[in-house]
């Protein structure tokens, strides 16, 4: 039986908007988190593989699901995660959810509306945050803010990599109605620089995503676990900076990512801000809304 690990897409180093294995997280949680991370990343590699036919990708994703649920022991990442979850008495729901997104990546190459993109994020991004919260024993009341933050992180990534996704995967995560409203075309994603219409579309989506980021801003304060709260504050600081860059830069022309100095600066800012907030006991700002489709 072929191992999914042998079919990695060869992407090499990744630009992570989901640093789930952060050193800030308590060591007692890291083995389970890394097992989840490796499962998700290997499944992602299957969905994004450059040469595998769609039917083989779907077969491997189905195999991953079956072995996560105990039906076989040929796929190391699924078996390791299954055992790690069993040790903690946790269900595999958040791993099963991301497999839905990866199947969508195989069968769905474009999205018509913002709501369709959010639906994709419900399975590609939100389960990551929910998993982290469950690992730390946090309340499901934190899911609403987590869902917003995780979806915004995913959309930041879609905007950062829109040209690469189109050229290498023939995938367009930008809503087609937003492209049409700006007078932009999908084909322009293959250019080395955005024409004015495409730039207006991309920057408009960044503005909309900034509002989504704001919906998740209360998350770090809602989390009881100190280390996880600080980690989330750092991630929020990264995301805020990236979305500000996306509002003024052209991701087709230049790489819109944080450099090492910015990573250090915004890490420190996020940590200091959250530690200070907890020291003075400032509470989360309450806001209406409930978690997406639990």
Protein backbone atom coordinates (compact mmCIF):
# COMPACT_ATOMS: atom_id res chain seq x y z
CA UNK A 1 0.00 0.00 0.00
CA UNK A 2 1.34 3.42 -0.95
CA UNK A 3 2.09 5.73 1.96
CA UNK A 4 0.83 9.28 1.64
CA UNK A 5 4.12 10.46 3.11
CA UNK A 6 5.85 9.26 -0.04
CA UNK A 7 3.68 11.50 -2.20
CA UNK A 8 4.59 14.87 -0.76
CA UNK A 9 4.06 17.70 -3.24
CA UNK A 10 7.58 19.01 -2.76
CA UNK A 11 6.51 22.48 -1.70
CA UNK A 12 9.53 22.86 0.52
CA UNK A 13 9.42 25.58 3.16
CA UNK A 14 6.00 27.04 3.80
CA UNK A 15 4.86 30.46 4.88
CA UNK A 16 2.79 29.65 7.93
CA UNK A 17 -0.13 31.77 9.09
CA UNK A 18 -1.02 28.95 11.51
CA UNK A 19 2.05 28.47 13.74
CA UNK A 20 0.28 25.82 15.82
CA UNK A 21 3.47 24.21 17.11
CA UNK A 22 4.73 27.44 18.67
CA UNK A 23 7.36 27.22 21.42
CA UNK A 24 4.99 29.27 23.58
CA UNK A 25 2.61 26.30 23.91
CA UNK A 26 3.17 24.11 27.00
CA UNK A 27 5.35 21.05 26.26
CA UNK A 28 2.67 18.66 27.54
CA UNK A 29 0.50 19.54 24.54
CA UNK A 30 3.14 19.52 21.82
CA UNK A 31 3.14 15.83 20.87
CA UNK A 32 -0.61 15.85 20.20
CA UNK A 33 -0.46 19.19 18.39
CA UNK A 34 2.43 18.02 16.19
CA UNK A 35 0.54 14.80 15.40
CA UNK A 36 -2.42 16.90 14.27
CA UNK A 37 -0.16 19.26 12.33
CA UNK A 38 1.57 16.41 10.49
CA UNK A 39 -1.76 14.78 9.65
CA UNK A 40 -3.16 18.04 8.28
CA UNK A 41 -0.03 18.95 6.33
CA UNK A 42 0.29 15.52 4.74
CA UNK A 43 -3.38 15.58 3.71
CA UNK A 44 -2.82 19.07 2.31
CA UNK A 45 0.15 17.79 0.33
CA UNK A 46 -2.06 15.06 -1.14
CA UNK A 47 -4.68 17.60 -2.25
CA UNK A 48 -2.04 19.92 -3.74
CA UNK A 49 0.16 17.27 -5.37
CA UNK A 50 1.29 18.39 -8.81
CA UNK A 51 0.92 15.10 -10.68
CA UNK A 52 -1.53 12.84 -8.84
CA UNK A 53 -4.87 12.48 -10.66
CA UNK A 54 -7.94 13.69 -8.73
CA UNK A 55 -9.32 10.20 -8.20
CA UNK A 56 -6.05 9.08 -6.56
CA UNK A 57 -6.02 12.15 -4.32
CA UNK A 58 -9.55 11.38 -3.17
CA UNK A 59 -8.65 7.73 -2.60
CA UNK A 60 -5.73 8.69 -0.39
CA UNK A 61 -7.81 11.21 1.56
CA UNK A 62 -10.45 8.52 2.11
CA UNK A 63 -7.72 6.18 3.30
CA UNK A 64 -6.47 8.81 5.71
CA UNK A 65 -9.97 9.14 7.13
CA UNK A 66 -10.47 5.39 7.43
CA UNK A 67 -7.20 4.88 9.27
CA UNK A 68 -7.84 7.86 11.55
CA UNK A 69 -11.02 6.02 12.51
CA UNK A 70 -9.14 2.79 13.19
CA UNK A 71 -9.58 0.93 9.90
CA UNK A 72 -5.98 0.11 9.06
CA UNK A 73 -2.41 0.98 10.01
CA UNK A 74 -0.61 1.83 6.75
CA UNK A 75 -0.61 5.65 6.97
CA UNK A 76 1.74 6.77 9.71
CA UNK A 77 0.32 10.27 10.16
CA UNK A 78 -3.23 8.97 10.61
CA UNK A 79 -2.18 6.21 13.00
CA UNK A 80 -0.02 8.51 15.14
CA UNK A 81 -2.82 11.08 15.43
CA UNK A 82 -5.41 8.39 16.19
CA UNK A 83 -3.30 7.08 19.05
CA UNK A 84 -2.47 10.56 20.37
CA UNK A 85 -6.14 11.51 20.41
CA UNK A 86 -7.05 8.25 22.15
CA UNK A 87 -4.50 8.93 24.90
CA UNK A 88 -6.25 12.23 25.64
CA UNK A 89 -9.78 10.86 25.19
CA UNK A 90 -10.45 13.28 22.33
CA UNK A 91 -12.64 12.66 19.29
CA UNK A 92 -11.17 13.09 15.76
CA UNK A 93 -13.80 15.60 14.62
CA UNK A 94 -11.40 18.47 13.89
CA UNK A 95 -9.17 16.23 11.78
CA UNK A 96 -12.18 14.85 9.91
CA UNK A 97 -13.35 18.40 9.22
CA UNK A 98 -10.12 19.45 7.50
CA UNK A 99 -10.38 16.43 5.21
CA UNK A 100 -13.63 17.93 3.91
CA UNK A 101 -11.69 21.05 2.88
CA UNK A 102 -8.96 19.03 1.18
CA UNK A 103 -11.55 17.12 -0.81
CA UNK A 104 -12.98 20.50 -1.84
CA UNK A 105 -9.49 21.51 -3.00
CA UNK A 106 -9.48 18.48 -5.31
CA UNK A 107 -12.96 19.01 -6.76
CA UNK A 108 -13.66 22.76 -6.52
CA UNK A 109 -11.36 25.25 -8.25
CA UNK A 110 -13.23 28.52 -7.72
CA UNK A 111 -15.62 30.31 -5.37
CA UNK A 112 -18.47 32.56 -6.41
CA UNK A 113 -19.00 34.66 -3.27
CA UNK A 114 -17.42 35.71 0.01
CA UNK A 115 -19.85 33.40 1.81
CA UNK A 116 -18.59 30.45 -0.25
CA UNK A 117 -15.03 31.28 0.79
CA UNK A 118 -16.11 31.44 4.44
CA UNK A 119 -17.76 28.04 4.03
CA UNK A 120 -14.44 26.68 2.76
CA UNK A 121 -12.70 28.26 5.77
CA UNK A 122 -15.21 26.49 8.04
CA UNK A 123 -13.41 23.27 7.13
CA UNK A 124 -9.91 24.42 6.13
CA UNK A 125 -9.15 26.85 8.96
CA UNK A 126 -11.70 26.92 11.75
CA UNK A 127 -11.05 23.31 12.84
CA UNK A 128 -7.42 24.23 13.56
CA UNK A 129 -8.44 26.83 16.11
CA UNK A 130 -11.15 24.64 17.59
CA UNK A 131 -8.66 21.79 17.96
CA UNK A 132 -6.19 24.01 19.79
CA UNK A 133 -8.92 25.23 22.13
CA UNK A 134 -10.07 21.67 22.83
CA UNK A 135 -6.52 20.50 23.54
CA UNK A 136 -6.27 23.21 26.20
CA UNK A 137 -9.68 22.46 27.68
CA UNK A 138 -11.18 25.81 26.70
CA UNK A 139 -14.91 26.45 26.51
CA UNK A 140 -16.75 26.18 23.20
CA UNK A 141 -17.87 29.76 23.88
CA UNK A 142 -14.46 30.77 22.51
CA UNK A 143 -15.23 29.23 19.13
CA UNK A 144 -16.94 32.31 17.65
CA UNK A 145 -13.86 34.51 18.04
CA UNK A 146 -11.55 31.64 17.05
CA UNK A 147 -13.55 30.95 13.90
CA UNK A 148 -13.29 34.59 12.84
CA UNK A 149 -9.55 34.75 13.49
CA UNK A 150 -8.81 31.46 11.74
CA UNK A 151 -10.92 32.36 8.70
CA UNK A 152 -9.14 35.71 8.48
CA UNK A 153 -5.75 33.98 8.66
CA UNK A 154 -6.80 31.70 5.81
CA UNK A 155 -8.03 34.60 3.69
CA UNK A 156 -4.81 36.51 4.34
CA UNK A 157 -3.03 33.46 2.93
CA UNK A 158 -5.36 33.32 -0.08
CA UNK A 159 -4.58 36.97 -0.85
CA UNK A 160 -0.84 36.54 -0.29
CA UNK A 161 -0.66 33.51 -2.60
CA UNK A 162 -3.38 34.31 -5.14
CA UNK A 163 -0.98 34.35 -8.09
CA UNK A 164 0.82 31.17 -7.04
CA UNK A 165 -2.47 29.33 -6.42
CA UNK A 166 -3.67 30.25 -9.90
CA UNK A 167 -0.43 29.46 -11.72
CA UNK A 168 0.49 26.25 -9.91
CA UNK A 169 -2.86 24.77 -8.86
CA UNK A 170 -5.37 26.47 -11.18
CA UNK A 171 -7.25 27.45 -8.01
CA UNK A 172 -8.95 30.79 -7.40
CA UNK A 173 -10.00 31.53 -3.84
CA UNK A 174 -10.93 35.13 -4.64
CA UNK A 175 -14.73 35.44 -4.90
CA UNK A 176 -15.72 35.72 -8.54
CA UNK A 177 -18.37 38.32 -7.75
CA UNK A 178 -15.68 40.55 -6.19
CA UNK A 179 -13.52 40.17 -9.28
CA UNK A 180 -16.46 41.04 -11.52
CA UNK A 181 -17.45 44.04 -9.40
CA UNK A 182 -13.93 45.48 -9.79
CA UNK A 183 -13.75 44.72 -13.51
CA UNK A 184 -10.94 42.23 -12.96
CA UNK A 185 -10.59 38.81 -14.59
CA UNK A 186 -9.29 35.50 -13.31
CA UNK A 187 -6.66 35.44 -16.05
CA UNK A 188 -5.03 38.57 -14.60
CA UNK A 189 -3.86 36.43 -11.67
CA UNK A 190 -1.25 35.00 -14.03
CA UNK A 191 0.37 38.40 -14.60
CA UNK A 192 3.55 39.65 -12.93
CA UNK A 193 1.76 42.79 -11.71
CA UNK A 194 -1.88 43.56 -10.94
CA UNK A 195 -3.69 45.86 -13.36
CA UNK A 196 -5.64 48.61 -11.56
CA UNK A 197 -8.89 46.60 -11.50
CA UNK A 198 -7.23 43.54 -9.95
CA UNK A 199 -5.34 45.66 -7.42
CA UNK A 200 -8.61 47.33 -6.40
CA UNK A 201 -10.21 43.92 -5.94
CA UNK A 202 -7.35 42.51 -3.86
CA UNK A 203 -7.10 45.56 -1.64
CA UNK A 204 -10.87 45.69 -1.21
CA UNK A 205 -10.85 42.07 -0.05
CA UNK A 206 -8.06 42.93 2.39
CA UNK A 207 -10.23 45.68 3.87
CA UNK A 208 -13.10 43.20 4.25
CA UNK A 209 -10.76 40.68 5.84
CA UNK A 210 -9.51 43.29 8.29
CA UNK A 211 -13.08 43.57 9.57
CA UNK A 212 -13.17 39.78 9.98
CA UNK A 213 -9.93 39.94 11.96
CA UNK A 214 -11.55 42.47 14.26
CA UNK A 215 -14.33 39.95 15.00
CA UNK A 216 -11.71 37.60 16.43
CA UNK A 217 -9.84 40.22 18.44
CA UNK A 218 -11.37 39.19 21.77
CA UNK A 219 -10.09 35.61 21.53
CA UNK A 220 -6.85 35.93 23.50
CA UNK A 221 -8.74 37.53 26.37
CA UNK A 222 -11.42 34.83 26.32
CA UNK A 223 -8.84 32.04 26.71
CA UNK A 224 -8.06 30.90 30.25
CA UNK A 225 -4.75 29.16 29.48
CA UNK A 226 -1.97 31.73 29.82
CA UNK A 227 0.39 30.28 27.22
CA UNK A 228 -2.32 29.76 24.61
CA UNK A 229 -3.65 33.27 25.20
CA UNK A 230 -0.20 34.74 24.59
CA UNK A 231 0.27 32.56 21.49
CA UNK A 232 -3.04 33.77 20.06
CA UNK A 233 -2.10 37.40 20.77
CA UNK A 234 1.12 36.90 18.78
CA UNK A 235 -0.78 35.32 15.88
CA UNK A 236 -3.24 38.21 15.93
CA UNK A 237 -0.36 40.69 15.81
CA UNK A 238 1.11 38.90 12.78
CA UNK A 239 -2.26 38.84 11.02
CA UNK A 240 -2.92 42.52 11.70
CA UNK A 241 0.40 43.46 10.14
CA UNK A 242 -0.10 41.23 7.09
CA UNK A 243 -3.57 42.58 6.38
CA UNK A 244 -2.25 46.14 6.62
CA UNK A 245 0.39 45.25 4.04
CA UNK A 246 -2.21 43.64 1.78
CA UNK A 247 -4.23 46.87 1.83
CA UNK A 248 -1.37 48.77 0.18
CA UNK A 249 0.77 46.23 -1.69
CA UNK A 250 0.35 44.12 -4.80
CA UNK A 251 0.79 40.40 -4.03
CA UNK A 252 1.24 39.64 -7.73
CA UNK A 253 4.25 41.92 -7.90
CA UNK A 254 5.87 41.43 -4.50
CA UNK A 255 6.02 38.93 -1.69
CA UNK A 256 3.70 40.09 1.08
CA UNK A 257 5.10 38.34 4.13
CA UNK A 258 6.81 39.34 7.36
CA UNK A 259 10.60 39.42 7.45
CA UNK A 260 12.60 38.12 10.43
CA UNK A 261 12.80 41.53 12.07
CA UNK A 262 9.03 42.03 11.72
CA UNK A 263 8.37 38.54 13.09
CA UNK A 264 10.45 39.35 16.16
CA UNK A 265 8.93 42.80 16.58
CA UNK A 266 5.32 41.67 16.33
CA UNK A 267 6.00 38.59 18.46
CA UNK A 268 7.29 40.79 21.25
CA UNK A 269 4.47 43.28 20.83
CA UNK A 270 1.85 40.55 20.99
CA UNK A 271 3.43 38.88 24.02
CA UNK A 272 3.95 42.10 25.95
CA UNK A 273 0.44 43.30 25.19
CA UNK A 274 -1.21 40.06 26.33
CA UNK A 275 0.96 39.64 29.42
CA UNK A 276 0.17 43.24 30.36
CA UNK A 277 -3.55 42.76 29.78
CA UNK A 278 -3.60 39.69 32.02
CA UNK A 279 -1.50 41.42 34.69
CA UNK A 280 -4.03 44.22 35.10
CA UNK A 281 -6.98 41.89 34.69
CA UNK A 282 -8.57 43.67 31.76
CA UNK A 283 -11.50 41.66 30.44
CA UNK A 284 -12.43 40.78 26.89
CA UNK A 285 -14.68 43.22 25.09
CA UNK A 286 -18.03 41.54 24.77
CA UNK A 287 -19.53 41.33 21.32
CA UNK A 288 -22.58 39.68 19.79
CA UNK A 289 -22.33 36.56 17.65
CA UNK A 290 -22.06 32.83 17.98
CA UNK A 291 -19.71 30.24 16.57
CA UNK A 292 -20.18 29.15 12.99
CA UNK A 293 -21.90 25.82 12.41
CA UNK A 294 -20.69 23.81 15.34
